Structures are given as structure tokens and as C-alpha cells.
Amino acid sequence: MSRCDPDKETRSSGFRYPTKMEKNKLFVRGLPFSMNEAEVRKLFGEHGTLKDVRIVMFRNGHSKGIAYVDFEDEVISFLCQYIYSTPVF
């Protein structure tokens, strides 16, 4: 059993992914469950260079319909957020 370090300054975070604000990363929801990583890369890659795409899956391997899209540039991330969150009438 691992022990908890009582000193908050020296102990590491227990989270697997960063917990700070990541301005170049988008959280995307409402994706079709059939959409794979290559299709997400194609959709967002036409706007700028991608660092990483991570589709969130259930334990059985099926998509939850959400993804994290990590861009090289935070300005492109902001533009994609604006493009895909603006309603079209």
C-alpha cells in the first residue's frame, strides 16, 4: 500500500492529466459514436496543426461521443471554439 506524503509541497498530483488551464485544448462533445480518431483529426486538422486527439471511450471500447483536441497554437484553438459553437440559422 502506498503512503500519502503529508507535505503538500513535495507530493505529486494523483491525476493522470494536467489540471491547469490548457488554452490550446478543446473539449468536444456531441460527436457521432461512430466517429474515429482519424475523422476527428481530419475535421479539426483543416484549421491548424494538431498535437493530439483523444477520444474518450467506455471500458468496452465504444466511443462516448466526446474528445479532447489539442492544437499547437492556442489562437487556432480559440477560432475552432468560435466556429463550432456559433449557431447557424
N, C-alpha and C. Protein backbone atom coordinates (compact mmCIF):
# COMPACT_ATOMS: atom_id res chain seq x y z
N MET A 1 0.85 -1.17 0.00
CA MET A 1 0.00 0.00 0.00
C MET A 1 0.90 1.23 0.00
N SER A 2 0.56 2.22 -0.83
CA SER A 2 1.37 3.43 -0.89
C SER A 2 0.95 4.39 0.20
N ARG A 3 1.91 5.17 0.67
CA ARG A 3 1.66 6.12 1.75
C ARG A 3 1.50 7.51 1.16
N CYS A 4 0.67 8.30 1.79
CA CYS A 4 0.46 9.68 1.37
C CYS A 4 1.51 10.56 2.03
N ASP A 5 2.19 11.39 1.23
CA ASP A 5 3.17 12.33 1.75
C ASP A 5 2.41 13.49 2.39
N PRO A 6 2.56 13.74 3.69
CA PRO A 6 1.81 14.81 4.35
C PRO A 6 2.23 16.22 3.91
N ASP A 7 3.42 16.36 3.33
CA ASP A 7 3.89 17.66 2.90
C ASP A 7 3.35 17.97 1.51
N LYS A 8 2.45 18.96 1.42
CA LYS A 8 1.81 19.30 0.15
C LYS A 8 2.79 19.86 -0.88
N GLU A 9 3.90 20.39 -0.44
CA GLU A 9 4.89 20.97 -1.35
C GLU A 9 5.69 19.90 -2.10
N THR A 10 5.90 18.75 -1.50
CA THR A 10 6.76 17.73 -2.11
C THR A 10 5.98 16.60 -2.77
N ARG A 11 4.72 16.44 -2.45
CA ARG A 11 3.99 15.31 -3.04
C ARG A 11 3.49 15.65 -4.44
N SER A 12 3.38 14.62 -5.25
CA SER A 12 2.94 14.80 -6.63
C SER A 12 1.43 14.70 -6.72
N SER A 13 0.92 15.21 -7.82
CA SER A 13 -0.51 15.15 -8.07
C SER A 13 -0.91 13.71 -8.38
N GLY A 14 -2.10 13.32 -7.98
CA GLY A 14 -2.59 11.98 -8.25
C GLY A 14 -3.32 11.88 -9.58
N PHE A 15 -3.45 13.00 -10.29
CA PHE A 15 -4.17 12.98 -11.56
C PHE A 15 -3.25 12.59 -12.70
N ARG A 16 -3.81 11.88 -13.67
CA ARG A 16 -3.04 11.39 -14.80
C ARG A 16 -2.76 12.49 -15.82
N TYR A 17 -3.70 13.43 -15.98
CA TYR A 17 -3.58 14.51 -16.95
C TYR A 17 -3.47 15.83 -16.21
N PRO A 18 -2.91 16.86 -16.86
CA PRO A 18 -2.74 18.16 -16.19
C PRO A 18 -4.07 18.75 -15.73
N THR A 19 -4.03 19.45 -14.60
CA THR A 19 -5.25 20.06 -14.05
C THR A 19 -5.26 21.57 -14.23
N LYS A 20 -4.22 22.12 -14.82
CA LYS A 20 -4.17 23.57 -15.06
C LYS A 20 -4.92 23.91 -16.35
N MET A 21 -5.18 25.19 -16.55
CA MET A 21 -5.88 25.65 -17.75
C MET A 21 -5.01 25.41 -18.98
N GLU A 22 -5.55 24.71 -19.96
CA GLU A 22 -4.83 24.42 -21.20
C GLU A 22 -5.56 25.14 -22.32
N LYS A 23 -5.05 26.29 -22.71
CA LYS A 23 -5.73 27.15 -23.68
C LYS A 23 -5.70 26.60 -25.10
N ASN A 24 -4.82 25.65 -25.36
CA ASN A 24 -4.74 25.10 -26.72
C ASN A 24 -5.51 23.79 -26.85
N LYS A 25 -6.29 23.40 -25.83
CA LYS A 25 -7.02 22.14 -25.86
C LYS A 25 -8.51 22.40 -25.85
N LEU A 26 -9.23 21.72 -26.73
CA LEU A 26 -10.69 21.82 -26.78
C LEU A 26 -11.31 20.54 -26.27
N PHE A 27 -12.41 20.68 -25.54
CA PHE A 27 -13.25 19.56 -25.15
C PHE A 27 -14.42 19.57 -26.11
N VAL A 28 -14.58 18.50 -26.88
CA VAL A 28 -15.61 18.44 -27.92
C VAL A 28 -16.62 17.38 -27.52
N ARG A 29 -17.90 17.77 -27.52
CA ARG A 29 -18.95 16.80 -27.21
C ARG A 29 -19.94 16.76 -28.36
N GLY A 30 -20.78 15.74 -28.34
CA GLY A 30 -21.79 15.61 -29.38
C GLY A 30 -21.27 14.96 -30.66
N LEU A 31 -20.13 14.31 -30.58
CA LEU A 31 -19.59 13.62 -31.76
C LEU A 31 -20.41 12.35 -32.02
N PRO A 32 -20.55 11.96 -33.28
CA PRO A 32 -21.20 10.68 -33.57
C PRO A 32 -20.39 9.55 -32.93
N PHE A 33 -21.07 8.57 -32.38
CA PHE A 33 -20.39 7.46 -31.71
C PHE A 33 -19.54 6.65 -32.69
N SER A 34 -19.85 6.76 -33.97
CA SER A 34 -19.09 6.02 -34.98
C SER A 34 -17.83 6.75 -35.43
N MET A 35 -17.65 8.01 -35.02
CA MET A 35 -16.50 8.80 -35.47
C MET A 35 -15.23 8.32 -34.79
N ASN A 36 -14.19 8.09 -35.61
CA ASN A 36 -12.92 7.61 -35.05
C ASN A 36 -11.90 8.76 -35.00
N GLU A 37 -10.71 8.46 -34.51
CA GLU A 37 -9.68 9.48 -34.32
C GLU A 37 -9.27 10.13 -35.64
N ALA A 38 -9.16 9.35 -36.69
CA ALA A 38 -8.75 9.89 -38.00
C ALA A 38 -9.77 10.91 -38.51
N GLU A 39 -11.05 10.64 -38.30
CA GLU A 39 -12.09 11.56 -38.75
C GLU A 39 -12.09 12.85 -37.94
N VAL A 40 -11.83 12.74 -36.64
CA VAL A 40 -11.74 13.93 -35.79
C VAL A 40 -10.52 14.76 -36.20
N ARG A 41 -9.40 14.08 -36.47
CA ARG A 41 -8.19 14.78 -36.94
C ARG A 41 -8.45 15.51 -38.25
N LYS A 42 -9.18 14.87 -39.16
CA LYS A 42 -9.49 15.49 -40.45
C LYS A 42 -10.38 16.71 -40.25
N LEU A 43 -11.39 16.61 -39.39
CA LEU A 43 -12.33 17.69 -39.15
C LEU A 43 -11.64 18.93 -38.57
N PHE A 44 -10.81 18.74 -37.54
CA PHE A 44 -10.17 19.87 -36.89
C PHE A 44 -8.81 20.22 -37.50
N GLY A 45 -8.18 19.26 -38.17
CA GLY A 45 -6.87 19.49 -38.77
C GLY A 45 -6.88 20.47 -39.92
N GLU A 46 -8.04 20.69 -40.52
CA GLU A 46 -8.10 21.65 -41.63
C GLU A 46 -7.97 23.09 -41.14
N HIS A 47 -8.06 23.31 -39.83
CA HIS A 47 -7.95 24.66 -39.26
C HIS A 47 -6.55 24.97 -38.74
N GLY A 48 -5.76 23.94 -38.45
CA GLY A 48 -4.42 24.16 -37.93
C GLY A 48 -3.75 22.86 -37.54
N THR A 49 -2.51 22.96 -37.07
CA THR A 49 -1.73 21.78 -36.70
C THR A 49 -2.20 21.23 -35.36
N LEU A 50 -2.42 19.92 -35.33
CA LEU A 50 -2.86 19.24 -34.11
C LEU A 50 -1.68 18.58 -33.42
N LYS A 51 -1.66 18.65 -32.09
CA LYS A 51 -0.67 17.93 -31.31
C LYS A 51 -1.19 16.54 -30.94
N ASP A 52 -2.48 16.48 -30.56
CA ASP A 52 -3.03 15.22 -30.08
C ASP A 52 -4.55 15.25 -30.19
N VAL A 53 -5.13 14.09 -30.40
CA VAL A 53 -6.58 13.90 -30.36
C VAL A 53 -6.83 12.68 -29.49
N ARG A 54 -7.71 12.83 -28.51
CA ARG A 54 -8.02 11.70 -27.62
C ARG A 54 -9.53 11.56 -27.54
N ILE A 55 -10.05 10.46 -28.05
CA ILE A 55 -11.47 10.16 -27.96
C ILE A 55 -11.71 9.38 -26.67
N VAL A 56 -12.68 9.82 -25.89
CA VAL A 56 -12.99 9.17 -24.62
C VAL A 56 -13.87 7.96 -24.90
N MET A 57 -13.48 6.82 -24.35
CA MET A 57 -14.16 5.55 -24.60
C MET A 57 -14.72 4.95 -23.33
N PHE A 58 -15.78 4.16 -23.49
CA PHE A 58 -16.25 3.31 -22.41
C PHE A 58 -15.26 2.16 -22.26
N ARG A 59 -15.37 1.42 -21.18
CA ARG A 59 -14.45 0.30 -20.95
C ARG A 59 -14.58 -0.78 -22.01
N ASN A 60 -15.76 -0.86 -22.65
CA ASN A 60 -15.94 -1.89 -23.68
C ASN A 60 -15.40 -1.45 -25.04
N GLY A 61 -14.81 -0.25 -25.12
CA GLY A 61 -14.18 0.23 -26.35
C GLY A 61 -15.05 1.08 -27.23
N HIS A 62 -16.31 1.30 -26.85
CA HIS A 62 -17.20 2.15 -27.64
C HIS A 62 -17.00 3.62 -27.25
N SER A 63 -17.13 4.49 -28.23
CA SER A 63 -16.95 5.93 -28.00
C SER A 63 -18.07 6.49 -27.13
N LYS A 64 -17.71 7.48 -26.31
CA LYS A 64 -18.70 8.21 -25.52
C LYS A 64 -19.22 9.42 -26.27
N GLY A 65 -18.67 9.70 -27.46
CA GLY A 65 -19.10 10.84 -28.25
C GLY A 65 -18.45 12.14 -27.83
N ILE A 66 -17.35 12.04 -27.07
CA ILE A 66 -16.59 13.22 -26.66
C ILE A 66 -15.11 13.01 -26.95
N ALA A 67 -14.39 14.13 -27.11
CA ALA A 67 -12.96 14.04 -27.42
C ALA A 67 -12.24 15.28 -26.90
N TYR A 68 -10.95 15.14 -26.73
CA TYR A 68 -10.06 16.26 -26.42
C TYR A 68 -9.19 16.47 -27.66
N VAL A 69 -9.20 17.69 -28.18
CA VAL A 69 -8.42 18.04 -29.37
C VAL A 69 -7.38 19.07 -28.94
N ASP A 70 -6.12 18.72 -29.09
CA ASP A 70 -5.01 19.55 -28.62
C ASP A 70 -4.30 20.16 -29.84
N PHE A 71 -4.32 21.50 -29.94
CA PHE A 71 -3.71 22.22 -31.05
C PHE A 71 -2.32 22.71 -30.68
N GLU A 72 -1.49 22.95 -31.68
CA GLU A 72 -0.17 23.54 -31.46
C GLU A 72 -0.29 25.00 -31.01
N ASP A 73 -1.30 25.71 -31.55
CA ASP A 73 -1.45 27.14 -31.30
C ASP A 73 -2.77 27.41 -30.60
N GLU A 74 -2.74 28.19 -29.52
CA GLU A 74 -3.97 28.47 -28.78
C GLU A 74 -4.91 29.39 -29.53
N VAL A 75 -4.39 30.19 -30.47
CA VAL A 75 -5.25 31.07 -31.27
C VAL A 75 -6.14 30.23 -32.18
N ILE A 76 -5.59 29.19 -32.79
CA ILE A 76 -6.37 28.29 -33.64
C ILE A 76 -7.41 27.56 -32.80
N SER A 77 -7.05 27.17 -31.60
CA SER A 77 -7.99 26.53 -30.69
C SER A 77 -9.17 27.44 -30.40
N PHE A 78 -8.88 28.71 -30.15
CA PHE A 78 -9.94 29.69 -29.87
C PHE A 78 -10.83 29.87 -31.10
N LEU A 79 -10.23 29.94 -32.29
CA LEU A 79 -11.02 30.10 -33.51
C LEU A 79 -11.92 28.90 -33.76
N CYS A 80 -11.42 27.70 -33.53
CA CYS A 80 -12.25 26.50 -33.69
C CYS A 80 -13.39 26.48 -32.69
N GLN A 81 -13.10 26.92 -31.49
CA GLN A 81 -14.15 27.01 -30.47
C GLN A 81 -15.25 27.95 -30.95
N TYR A 82 -14.87 29.07 -31.53
CA TYR A 82 -15.83 30.04 -32.03
C TYR A 82 -16.60 29.48 -33.23
N ILE A 83 -15.88 28.85 -34.16
CA ILE A 83 -16.51 28.33 -35.38
C ILE A 83 -17.55 27.26 -35.05
N TYR A 84 -17.18 26.31 -34.19
CA TYR A 84 -18.06 25.18 -33.93
C TYR A 84 -19.10 25.42 -32.83
N SER A 85 -19.01 26.54 -32.11
CA SER A 85 -20.02 26.81 -31.08
C SER A 85 -21.00 27.89 -31.50
N THR A 86 -20.79 28.50 -32.68
CA THR A 86 -21.70 29.53 -33.17
C THR A 86 -22.88 28.86 -33.88
N PRO A 87 -24.11 29.13 -33.41
CA PRO A 87 -25.26 28.51 -34.08
C PRO A 87 -25.46 29.07 -35.49
N VAL A 88 -25.87 28.20 -36.38
CA VAL A 88 -26.14 28.59 -37.76
C VAL A 88 -27.65 28.56 -37.96
N PHE A 89 -28.22 29.68 -38.38
CA PHE A 89 -29.68 29.76 -38.55
C PHE A 89 -30.03 29.79 -40.01
